[in-house]
């Protein structure tokens, strides 16, 4: 196993209102190059306060150190929300050797909530029209945990808005075509990794199985000591990702791969945690709304055979990925 350093994208000049158009363009080009070549990079000078990045990890660490009985109180009927222990979730025959707690907003305009054109003054518009396809709603461990996480999410959404603008500029996407990410959805997952045992390694178990996230971007905020996160590189080799203090590890997901007709790869990642010290990571996923149609953008549609892909709702795309990945 070889450790690797990813491309470093310094986002400071793009966020600085005093930067020149040339400086901002240089950042957009560096971002596009990083997304094209590996689909995974370090993002520094991103504008999210370091003390907040540390605090949200600390709250996650404190939660996972609670008793199993207390953690189980936050289990809900959902694979996206609430607490999950590795005994609960199978990925097509392989167990994740980790624990998670996830937070995902209610799914509206797809199979729950009100239709986008519903008259809010009518009584029929008040209750959800159908059960949420992703199951039960979030279960927050405490008000303090929620307050810090939601503050972190607000910063991450602002960062995404700037990052998406830079990506769209780097890709040369026409302003009129940027509507497909006008109302993105942000979700957060805390994951706790204990060291794999000798028996785990003999049985070829991993902390998190190989996967590509069904989203646009994944922002990973993790402890800086362990080289446990890995990405699949050229030739089918796995590379450990060296942590970089103060940086997010950002990877492109399957939606950007489809939108750009393979210009941006869908990054395959896994986790093998062998260190004695537990590892906490906080992943933020940026996605289209569930009722958004996923198809190649006009600028890139000519590079994909129309027969290769049928446009579909993003919600259907997510469920298809889950069906391929998880044993329900």
Foldseek 3Di string as FASTA:
>chain_A
DAADEAAEQECQLLPDPPHDPVSLLVSLQSLLVSLQAALKHWYFPLPQDQVLLVVLLVVLVVLVPDDPVLQCVQDFPFPAATKDAQVRWDWVNATANKIKHKAFDFAPCPQWAANPPDDPVDPVNPHIPHDGPRGDHHDDSDPVSVVSVVVSVVSVVVSVVSSVVSNCVNVVPDPVLPPQQPPKTKMKMKMKHAADDPVCVVVVHANFDKDFDLFAKKWKRKDQPDQFKWWQDPPRDIHGYHGDPRITIMGGGPLVCFQQVNSRPRIIMGTHHHDRDMMMMMMMGIHGRQQRKGHHGPVRNVVDDCVVDDIDGSVVVVVVRCVNTIDD
